[in-house]
Amino acid sequence: MKKLSVIILIAVIVIFAACAKVQTDKPSQELLKAVEISLVIETDPDNALSALKEHSMSVDAYKDLMIKISEDDKLSEQYIALKEKQDI
């Protein structure tokens, strides 16, 4: 019976760890904003300011966000992956 309890405990820990990893890999709302805005800027630069306004961001806030993303390896990887998904 003790062996079964240990196995169940290990299974619960593994499941919890997997769930925690899935949640941490989920992109933040600001990262999603950055991707959406950058895609508009790339495809329709004339509407860049409209895209920023739609996402309640100023030019400076967008610039600061892009700097934050570029300085963080994990955010950069997520940003690139999201952009590649959207470009398909």
PDB file of N, CA and C in Angstrom:
ATOM      1  N   MET A   1       0.816  -1.187   0.000  1.00  0.00           N
ATOM      2  CA  MET A   1       0.000   0.000   0.000  1.00  0.00           C
ATOM      3  C   MET A   1       0.866   1.260   0.000  1.00  0.00           C
ATOM      4  N   LYS A   2       1.971   1.211   0.740  1.00  0.00           N
ATOM      5  CA  LYS A   2       2.870   2.350   0.819  1.00  0.00           C
ATOM      6  C   LYS A   2       3.495   2.636  -0.553  1.00  0.00           C
ATOM      7  N   LYS A   3       3.817   1.583  -1.280  1.00  0.00           N
ATOM      8  CA  LYS A   3       4.408   1.726  -2.606  1.00  0.00           C
ATOM      9  C   LYS A   3       3.426   2.412  -3.562  1.00  0.00           C
ATOM     10  N   LEU A   4       2.149   2.046  -3.465  1.00  0.00           N
ATOM     11  CA  LEU A   4       1.119   2.655  -4.298  1.00  0.00           C
ATOM     12  C   LEU A   4       0.977   4.140  -3.985  1.00  0.00           C
ATOM     13  N   SER A   5       1.052   4.500  -2.729  1.00  0.00           N
ATOM     14  CA  SER A   5       0.958   5.909  -2.327  1.00  0.00           C
ATOM     15  C   SER A   5       2.121   6.718  -2.904  1.00  0.00           C
ATOM     16  N   VAL A   6       3.303   6.150  -2.899  1.00  0.00           N
ATOM     17  CA  VAL A   6       4.481   6.829  -3.453  1.00  0.00           C
ATOM     18  C   VAL A   6       4.322   7.012  -4.958  1.00  0.00           C
ATOM     19  N   ILE A   7       3.834   5.999  -5.635  1.00  0.00           N
ATOM     20  CA  ILE A   7       3.627   6.080  -7.083  1.00  0.00           C
ATOM     21  C   ILE A   7       2.585   7.156  -7.414  1.00  0.00           C
ATOM     22  N   ILE A   8       1.505   7.179  -6.647  1.00  0.00           N
ATOM     23  CA  ILE A   8       0.473   8.188  -6.874  1.00  0.00           C
ATOM     24  C   ILE A   8       1.030   9.588  -6.621  1.00  0.00           C
ATOM     25  N   LEU A   9       1.804   9.748  -5.569  1.00  0.00           N
ATOM     26  CA  LEU A   9       2.413  11.043  -5.255  1.00  0.00           C
ATOM     27  C   LEU A   9       3.338  11.497  -6.378  1.00  0.00           C
ATOM     28  N   ILE A  10       4.139  10.590  -6.892  1.00  0.00           N
ATOM     29  CA  ILE A  10       5.045  10.926  -8.000  1.00  0.00           C
ATOM     30  C   ILE A  10       4.242  11.319  -9.238  1.00  0.00           C
ATOM     31  N   ALA A  11       3.171  10.598  -9.520  1.00  0.00           N
ATOM     32  CA  ALA A  11       2.323  10.916 -10.667  1.00  0.00           C
ATOM     33  C   ALA A  11       1.709  12.301 -10.520  1.00  0.00           C
ATOM     34  N   VAL A  12       1.244  12.629  -9.332  1.00  0.00           N
ATOM     35  CA  VAL A  12       0.661  13.951  -9.079  1.00  0.00           C
ATOM     36  C   VAL A  12       1.716  15.039  -9.287  1.00  0.00           C
ATOM     37  N   ILE A  13       2.912  14.818  -8.804  1.00  0.00           N
ATOM     38  CA  ILE A  13       3.994  15.802  -8.964  1.00  0.00           C
ATOM     39  C   ILE A  13       4.328  15.992 -10.440  1.00  0.00           C
ATOM     40  N   VAL A  14       4.411  14.920 -11.197  1.00  0.00           N
ATOM     41  CA  VAL A  14       4.717  14.999 -12.626  1.00  0.00           C
ATOM     42  C   VAL A  14       3.617  15.765 -13.364  1.00  0.00           C
ATOM     43  N   ILE A  15       2.363  15.458 -13.052  1.00  0.00           N
ATOM     44  CA  ILE A  15       1.238  16.152 -13.699  1.00  0.00           C
ATOM     45  C   ILE A  15       1.261  17.635 -13.339  1.00  0.00           C
ATOM     46  N   PHE A  16       1.496  17.944 -12.071  1.00  0.00           N
ATOM     47  CA  PHE A  16       1.552  19.338 -11.639  1.00  0.00           C
ATOM     48  C   PHE A  16       2.680  20.086 -12.356  1.00  0.00           C
ATOM     49  N   ALA A  17       3.834  19.464 -12.463  1.00  0.00           N
ATOM     50  CA  ALA A  17       4.967  20.091 -13.143  1.00  0.00           C
ATOM     51  C   ALA A  17       4.651  20.346 -14.611  1.00  0.00           C
ATOM     52  N   ALA A  18       3.992  19.408 -15.259  1.00  0.00           N
ATOM     53  CA  ALA A  18       3.618  19.576 -16.664  1.00  0.00           C
ATOM     54  C   ALA A  18       2.632  20.725 -16.818  1.00  0.00           C
ATOM     55  N   CYS A  19       1.670  20.811 -15.929  1.00  0.00           N
ATOM     56  CA  CYS A  19       0.688  21.905 -15.987  1.00  0.00           C
ATOM     57  C   CYS A  19       1.359  23.248 -15.738  1.00  0.00           C
ATOM     58  N   ALA A  20       2.272  23.300 -14.802  1.00  0.00           N
ATOM     59  CA  ALA A  20       2.975  24.552 -14.503  1.00  0.00           C
ATOM     60  C   ALA A  20       3.796  24.995 -15.701  1.00  0.00           C
ATOM     61  N   LYS A  21       4.425  24.061 -16.402  1.00  0.00           N
ATOM     62  CA  LYS A  21       5.223  24.408 -17.575  1.00  0.00           C
ATOM     63  C   LYS A  21       4.337  24.958 -18.680  1.00  0.00           C
ATOM     64  N   VAL A  22       3.191  24.356 -18.896  1.00  0.00           N
ATOM     65  CA  VAL A  22       2.274  24.832 -19.932  1.00  0.00           C
ATOM     66  C   VAL A  22       1.852  26.258 -19.635  1.00  0.00           C
ATOM     67  N   GLN A  23       1.572  26.577 -18.382  1.00  0.00           N
ATOM     68  CA  GLN A  23       1.151  27.916 -18.021  1.00  0.00           C
ATOM     69  C   GLN A  23       2.272  28.925 -18.206  1.00  0.00           C
ATOM     70  N   THR A  24       3.507  28.580 -17.902  1.00  0.00           N
ATOM     71  CA  THR A  24       4.605  29.530 -18.036  1.00  0.00           C
ATOM     72  C   THR A  24       4.969  29.750 -19.497  1.00  0.00           C
ATOM     73  N   ASP A  25       4.674  28.798 -20.367  1.00  0.00           N
ATOM     74  CA  ASP A  25       4.982  28.963 -21.781  1.00  0.00           C
ATOM     75  C   ASP A  25       3.919  29.770 -22.520  1.00  0.00           C
ATOM     76  N   LYS A  26       2.811  30.035 -21.871  1.00  0.00           N
ATOM     77  CA  LYS A  26       1.737  30.811 -22.490  1.00  0.00           C
ATOM     78  C   LYS A  26       2.201  32.261 -22.631  1.00  0.00           C
ATOM     79  N   PRO A  27       2.106  32.808 -23.841  1.00  0.00           N
ATOM     80  CA  PRO A  27       2.584  34.184 -24.030  1.00  0.00           C
ATOM     81  C   PRO A  27       1.726  35.194 -23.272  1.00  0.00           C
ATOM     82  N   SER A  28       2.373  36.236 -22.794  1.00  0.00           N
ATOM     83  CA  SER A  28       1.654  37.284 -22.076  1.00  0.00           C
ATOM     84  C   SER A  28       0.841  38.127 -23.052  1.00  0.00           C
ATOM     85  N   GLN A  29      -0.096  38.867 -22.505  1.00  0.00           N
ATOM     86  CA  GLN A  29      -0.920  39.745 -23.331  1.00  0.00           C
ATOM     87  C   GLN A  29      -0.067  40.822 -23.998  1.00  0.00           C
ATOM     88  N   GLU A  30       0.929  41.325 -23.291  1.00  0.00           N
ATOM     89  CA  GLU A  30       1.762  42.363 -23.906  1.00  0.00           C
ATOM     90  C   GLU A  30       2.609  41.804 -25.044  1.00  0.00           C
ATOM     91  N   LEU A  31       3.007  40.546 -24.941  1.00  0.00           N
ATOM     92  CA  LEU A  31       3.741  39.918 -26.032  1.00  0.00           C
ATOM     93  C   LEU A  31       2.828  39.736 -27.248  1.00  0.00           C
ATOM     94  N   LEU A  32       1.601  39.318 -27.003  1.00  0.00           N
ATOM     95  CA  LEU A  32       0.639  39.187 -28.092  1.00  0.00           C
ATOM     96  C   LEU A  32       0.364  40.538 -28.762  1.00  0.00           C
ATOM     97  N   LYS A  33       0.278  41.594 -27.945  1.00  0.00           N
ATOM     98  CA  LYS A  33       0.103  42.953 -28.481  1.00  0.00           C
ATOM     99  C   LYS A  33       1.263  43.323 -29.388  1.00  0.00           C
ATOM    100  N   ALA A  34       2.473  43.054 -28.905  1.00  0.00           N
ATOM    101  CA  ALA A  34       3.672  43.399 -29.676  1.00  0.00           C
ATOM    102  C   ALA A  34       3.663  42.703 -31.034  1.00  0.00           C
ATOM    103  N   VAL A  35       3.293  41.450 -31.059  1.00  0.00           N
ATOM    104  CA  VAL A  35       3.249  40.697 -32.314  1.00  0.00           C
ATOM    105  C   VAL A  35       2.186  41.278 -33.244  1.00  0.00           C
ATOM    106  N   GLU A  36       0.995  41.506 -32.715  1.00  0.00           N
ATOM    107  CA  GLU A  36      -0.087  42.048 -33.543  1.00  0.00           C
ATOM    108  C   GLU A  36       0.289  43.402 -34.139  1.00  0.00           C
ATOM    109  N   ILE A  37       0.854  44.268 -33.316  1.00  0.00           N
ATOM    110  CA  ILE A  37       1.235  45.599 -33.794  1.00  0.00           C
ATOM    111  C   ILE A  37       2.348  45.498 -34.833  1.00  0.00           C
ATOM    112  N   SER A  38       3.331  44.672 -34.567  1.00  0.00           N
ATOM    113  CA  SER A  38       4.453  44.566 -35.510  1.00  0.00           C
ATOM    114  C   SER A  38       4.007  44.010 -36.857  1.00  0.00           C
ATOM    115  N   LEU A  39       3.035  43.095 -36.840  1.00  0.00           N
ATOM    116  CA  LEU A  39       2.522  42.561 -38.108  1.00  0.00           C
ATOM    117  C   LEU A  39       1.806  43.648 -38.907  1.00  0.00           C
ATOM    118  N   VAL A  40       1.067  44.513 -38.224  1.00  0.00           N
ATOM    119  CA  VAL A  40       0.418  45.633 -38.917  1.00  0.00           C
ATOM    120  C   VAL A  40       1.472  46.573 -39.480  1.00  0.00           C
ATOM    121  N   ILE A  41       2.479  46.872 -38.684  1.00  0.00           N
ATOM    122  CA  ILE A  41       3.536  47.777 -39.135  1.00  0.00           C
ATOM    123  C   ILE A  41       4.236  47.217 -40.368  1.00  0.00           C
ATOM    124  N   GLU A  42       4.489  45.916 -40.386  1.00  0.00           N
ATOM    125  CA  GLU A  42       5.168  45.291 -41.522  1.00  0.00           C
ATOM    126  C   GLU A  42       4.288  45.236 -42.771  1.00  0.00           C
ATOM    127  N   THR A  43       3.007  44.922 -42.584  1.00  0.00           N
ATOM    128  CA  THR A  43       2.136  44.720 -43.744  1.00  0.00           C
ATOM    129  C   THR A  43       1.435  45.994 -44.210  1.00  0.00           C
ATOM    130  N   ASP A  44       1.211  46.922 -43.295  1.00  0.00           N
ATOM    131  CA  ASP A  44       0.490  48.149 -43.631  1.00  0.00           C
ATOM    132  C   ASP A  44       1.021  49.310 -42.789  1.00  0.00           C
ATOM    133  N   PRO A  45       2.239  49.767 -43.083  1.00  0.00           N
ATOM    134  CA  PRO A  45       2.882  50.790 -42.260  1.00  0.00           C
ATOM    135  C   PRO A  45       2.066  52.074 -42.096  1.00  0.00           C
ATOM    136  N   ASP A  46       1.213  52.372 -43.062  1.00  0.00           N
ATOM    137  CA  ASP A  46       0.395  53.579 -42.964  1.00  0.00           C
ATOM    138  C   ASP A  46      -0.596  53.511 -41.802  1.00  0.00           C
ATOM    139  N   ASN A  47      -0.905  52.317 -41.353  1.00  0.00           N
ATOM    140  CA  ASN A  47      -1.842  52.141 -40.242  1.00  0.00           C
ATOM    141  C   ASN A  47      -1.158  51.827 -38.913  1.00  0.00           C
ATOM    142  N   ALA A  48       0.128  52.097 -38.820  1.00  0.00           N
ATOM    143  CA  ALA A  48       0.876  51.796 -37.599  1.00  0.00           C
ATOM    144  C   ALA A  48       0.307  52.539 -36.392  1.00  0.00           C
ATOM    145  N   LEU A  49       0.045  53.825 -36.555  1.00  0.00           N
ATOM    146  CA  LEU A  49      -0.484  54.598 -35.428  1.00  0.00           C
ATOM    147  C   LEU A  49      -1.875  54.118 -35.024  1.00  0.00           C
ATOM    148  N   SER A  50      -2.668  53.706 -35.995  1.00  0.00           N
ATOM    149  CA  SER A  50      -3.997  53.162 -35.691  1.00  0.00           C
ATOM    150  C   SER A  50      -3.872  51.863 -34.892  1.00  0.00           C
ATOM    151  N   ALA A  51      -2.905  51.028 -35.265  1.00  0.00           N
ATOM    152  CA  ALA A  51      -2.691  49.766 -34.547  1.00  0.00           C
ATOM    153  C   ALA A  51      -2.269  50.036 -33.108  1.00  0.00           C
ATOM    154  N   LEU A  52      -1.403  51.020 -32.930  1.00  0.00           N
ATOM    155  CA  LEU A  52      -0.974  51.372 -31.575  1.00  0.00           C
ATOM    156  C   LEU A  52      -2.164  51.869 -30.760  1.00  0.00           C
ATOM    157  N   LYS A  53      -2.954  52.746 -31.367  1.00  0.00           N
ATOM    158  CA  LYS A  53      -4.117  53.294 -30.665  1.00  0.00           C
ATOM    159  C   LYS A  53      -5.107  52.183 -30.316  1.00  0.00           C
ATOM    160  N   GLU A  54      -5.320  51.262 -31.246  1.00  0.00           N
ATOM    161  CA  GLU A  54      -6.234  50.138 -31.014  1.00  0.00           C
ATOM    162  C   GLU A  54      -5.808  49.304 -29.813  1.00  0.00           C
ATOM    163  N   HIS A  55      -4.509  49.226 -29.586  1.00  0.00           N
ATOM    164  CA  HIS A  55      -3.976  48.448 -28.470  1.00  0.00           C
ATOM    165  C   HIS A  55      -3.625  49.330 -27.269  1.00  0.00           C
ATOM    166  N   SER A  56      -4.100  50.572 -27.293  1.00  0.00           N
ATOM    167  CA  SER A  56      -3.879  51.529 -26.183  1.00  0.00           C
ATOM    168  C   SER A  56      -2.401  51.693 -25.856  1.00  0.00           C
ATOM    169  N   MET A  57      -1.594  51.848 -26.899  1.00  0.00           N
ATOM    170  CA  MET A  57      -0.157  52.031 -26.702  1.00  0.00           C
ATOM    171  C   MET A  57       0.320  53.278 -27.419  1.00  0.00           C
ATOM    172  N   SER A  58       1.270  53.935 -26.796  1.00  0.00           N
ATOM    173  CA  SER A  58       1.938  55.060 -27.451  1.00  0.00           C
ATOM    174  C   SER A  58       3.142  54.519 -28.208  1.00  0.00           C
ATOM    175  N   VAL A  59       3.716  55.363 -29.034  1.00  0.00           N
ATOM    176  CA  VAL A  59       4.920  54.966 -29.768  1.00  0.00           C
ATOM    177  C   VAL A  59       6.026  54.619 -28.772  1.00  0.00           C
ATOM    178  N   ASP A  60       6.181  55.447 -27.737  1.00  0.00           N
ATOM    179  CA  ASP A  60       7.219  55.191 -26.739  1.00  0.00           C
ATOM    180  C   ASP A  60       6.980  53.896 -25.964  1.00  0.00           C
ATOM    181  N   ALA A  61       5.720  53.617 -25.626  1.00  0.00           N
ATOM    182  CA  ALA A  61       5.401  52.371 -24.907  1.00  0.00           C
ATOM    183  C   ALA A  61       5.719  51.157 -25.777  1.00  0.00           C
ATOM    184  N   TYR A  62       5.398  51.258 -27.078  1.00  0.00           N
ATOM    185  CA  TYR A  62       5.703  50.156 -27.998  1.00  0.00           C
ATOM    186  C   TYR A  62       7.209  49.975 -28.128  1.00  0.00           C
ATOM    187  N   LYS A  63       7.917  51.079 -28.256  1.00  0.00           N
ATOM    188  CA  LYS A  63       9.383  51.016 -28.353  1.00  0.00           C
ATOM    189  C   LYS A  63       9.965  50.362 -27.103  1.00  0.00           C
ATOM    190  N   ASP A  64       9.492  50.774 -25.921  1.00  0.00           N
ATOM    191  CA  ASP A  64       9.982  50.194 -24.665  1.00  0.00           C
ATOM    192  C   ASP A  64       9.670  48.696 -24.589  1.00  0.00           C
ATOM    193  N   LEU A  65       8.488  48.314 -25.048  1.00  0.00           N
ATOM    194  CA  LEU A  65       8.115  46.899 -25.054  1.00  0.00           C
ATOM    195  C   LEU A  65       9.028  46.104 -25.978  1.00  0.00           C
ATOM    196  N   MET A  66       9.302  46.630 -27.154  1.00  0.00           N
ATOM    197  CA  MET A  66      10.176  45.923 -28.088  1.00  0.00           C
ATOM    198  C   MET A  66      11.603  45.804 -27.545  1.00  0.00           C
ATOM    199  N   ILE A  67      12.063  46.827 -26.828  1.00  0.00           N
ATOM    200  CA  ILE A  67      13.387  46.756 -26.195  1.00  0.00           C
ATOM    201  C   ILE A  67      13.378  45.671 -25.120  1.00  0.00           C
ATOM    202  N   LYS A  68      12.315  45.640 -24.315  1.00  0.00           N
ATOM    203  CA  LYS A  68      12.185  44.615 -23.268  1.00  0.00           C
ATOM    204  C   LYS A  68      12.228  43.215 -23.879  1.00  0.00           C
ATOM    205  N   ILE A  69      11.504  43.023 -24.967  1.00  0.00           N
ATOM    206  CA  ILE A  69      11.473  41.719 -25.632  1.00  0.00           C
ATOM    207  C   ILE A  69      12.850  41.367 -26.178  1.00  0.00           C
ATOM    208  N   SER A  70      13.506  42.323 -26.809  1.00  0.00           N
ATOM    209  CA  SER A  70      14.810  42.040 -27.423  1.00  0.00           C
ATOM    210  C   SER A  70      15.894  41.744 -26.394  1.00  0.00           C
ATOM    211  N   GLU A  71      15.735  42.250 -25.179  1.00  0.00           N
ATOM    212  CA  GLU A  71      16.743  42.030 -24.139  1.00  0.00           C
ATOM    213  C   GLU A  71      16.518  40.738 -23.350  1.00  0.00           C
ATOM    214  N   ASP A  72      15.400  40.072 -23.576  1.00  0.00           N
ATOM    215  CA  ASP A  72      15.064  38.850 -22.840  1.00  0.00           C
ATOM    216  C   ASP A  72      15.021  37.675 -23.823  1.00  0.00           C
ATOM    217  N   ASP A  73      15.915  36.720 -23.648  1.00  0.00           N
ATOM    218  CA  ASP A  73      16.012  35.592 -24.581  1.00  0.00           C
ATOM    219  C   ASP A  73      14.704  34.814 -24.698  1.00  0.00           C
ATOM    220  N   LYS A  74      14.056  34.529 -23.578  1.00  0.00           N
ATOM    221  CA  LYS A  74      12.822  33.746 -23.609  1.00  0.00           C
ATOM    222  C   LYS A  74      11.714  34.524 -24.321  1.00  0.00           C
ATOM    223  N   LEU A  75      11.572  35.814 -23.997  1.00  0.00           N
ATOM    224  CA  LEU A  75      10.564  36.628 -24.668  1.00  0.00           C
ATOM    225  C   LEU A  75      10.851  36.725 -26.165  1.00  0.00           C
ATOM    226  N   SER A  76      12.119  36.866 -26.510  1.00  0.00           N
ATOM    227  CA  SER A  76      12.499  36.953 -27.927  1.00  0.00           C
ATOM    228  C   SER A  76      12.112  35.681 -28.674  1.00  0.00           C
ATOM    229  N   GLU A  77      12.376  34.544 -28.066  1.00  0.00           N
ATOM    230  CA  GLU A  77      12.019  33.266 -28.696  1.00  0.00           C
ATOM    231  C   GLU A  77      10.509  33.148 -28.870  1.00  0.00           C
ATOM    232  N   GLN A  78       9.756  33.537 -27.835  1.00  0.00           N
ATOM    233  CA  GLN A  78       8.301  33.474 -27.924  1.00  0.00           C
ATOM    234  C   GLN A  78       7.791  34.434 -29.000  1.00  0.00           C
ATOM    235  N   TYR A  79       8.364  35.628 -29.050  1.00  0.00           N
ATOM    236  CA  TYR A  79       7.968  36.636 -30.033  1.00  0.00           C
ATOM    237  C   TYR A  79       8.180  36.114 -31.456  1.00  0.00           C
ATOM    238  N   ILE A  80       9.341  35.566 -31.702  1.00  0.00           N
ATOM    239  CA  ILE A  80       9.661  35.034 -33.043  1.00  0.00           C
ATOM    240  C   ILE A  80       8.718  33.883 -33.398  1.00  0.00           C
ATOM    241  N   ALA A  81       8.491  32.978 -32.443  1.00  0.00           N
ATOM    242  CA  ALA A  81       7.600  31.843 -32.699  1.00  0.00           C
ATOM    243  C   ALA A  81       6.176  32.318 -33.009  1.00  0.00           C
ATOM    244  N   LEU A  82       5.700  33.283 -32.263  1.00  0.00           N
ATOM    245  CA  LEU A  82       4.354  33.809 -32.502  1.00  0.00           C
ATOM    246  C   LEU A  82       4.255  34.494 -33.855  1.00  0.00           C
ATOM    247  N   LYS A  83       5.287  35.248 -34.203  1.00  0.00           N
ATOM    248  CA  LYS A  83       5.278  35.928 -35.504  1.00  0.00           C
ATOM    249  C   LYS A  83       5.297  34.921 -36.644  1.00  0.00           C
ATOM    250  N   GLU A  84       6.072  33.868 -36.495  1.00  0.00           N
ATOM    251  CA  GLU A  84       6.130  32.847 -37.543  1.00  0.00           C
ATOM    252  C   GLU A  84       4.776  32.161 -37.707  1.00  0.00           C
ATOM    253  N   LYS A  85       4.084  31.930 -36.597  1.00  0.00           N
ATOM    254  CA  LYS A  85       2.744  31.323 -36.662  1.00  0.00           C
ATOM    255  C   LYS A  85       1.777  32.242 -37.406  1.00  0.00           C
ATOM    256  N   GLN A  86       1.863  33.534 -37.138  1.00  0.00           N
ATOM    257  CA  GLN A  86       0.954  34.498 -37.749  1.00  0.00           C
ATOM    258  C   GLN A  86       1.244  34.714 -39.228  1.00  0.00           C
ATOM    259  N   ASP A  87       2.497  34.576 -39.621  1.00  0.00           N
ATOM    260  CA  ASP A  87       2.888  34.795 -41.021  1.00  0.00           C
ATOM    261  C   ASP A  87       2.431  33.673 -41.940  1.00  0.00           C
ATOM    262  N   ILE A  88       2.092  32.538 -41.385  1.00  0.00           N
ATOM    263  CA  ILE A  88       1.700  31.375 -42.212  1.00  0.00           C
ATOM    264  C   ILE A  88       0.362  31.597 -42.856  1.00  0.00           C
TER     265      ILE A  88
END
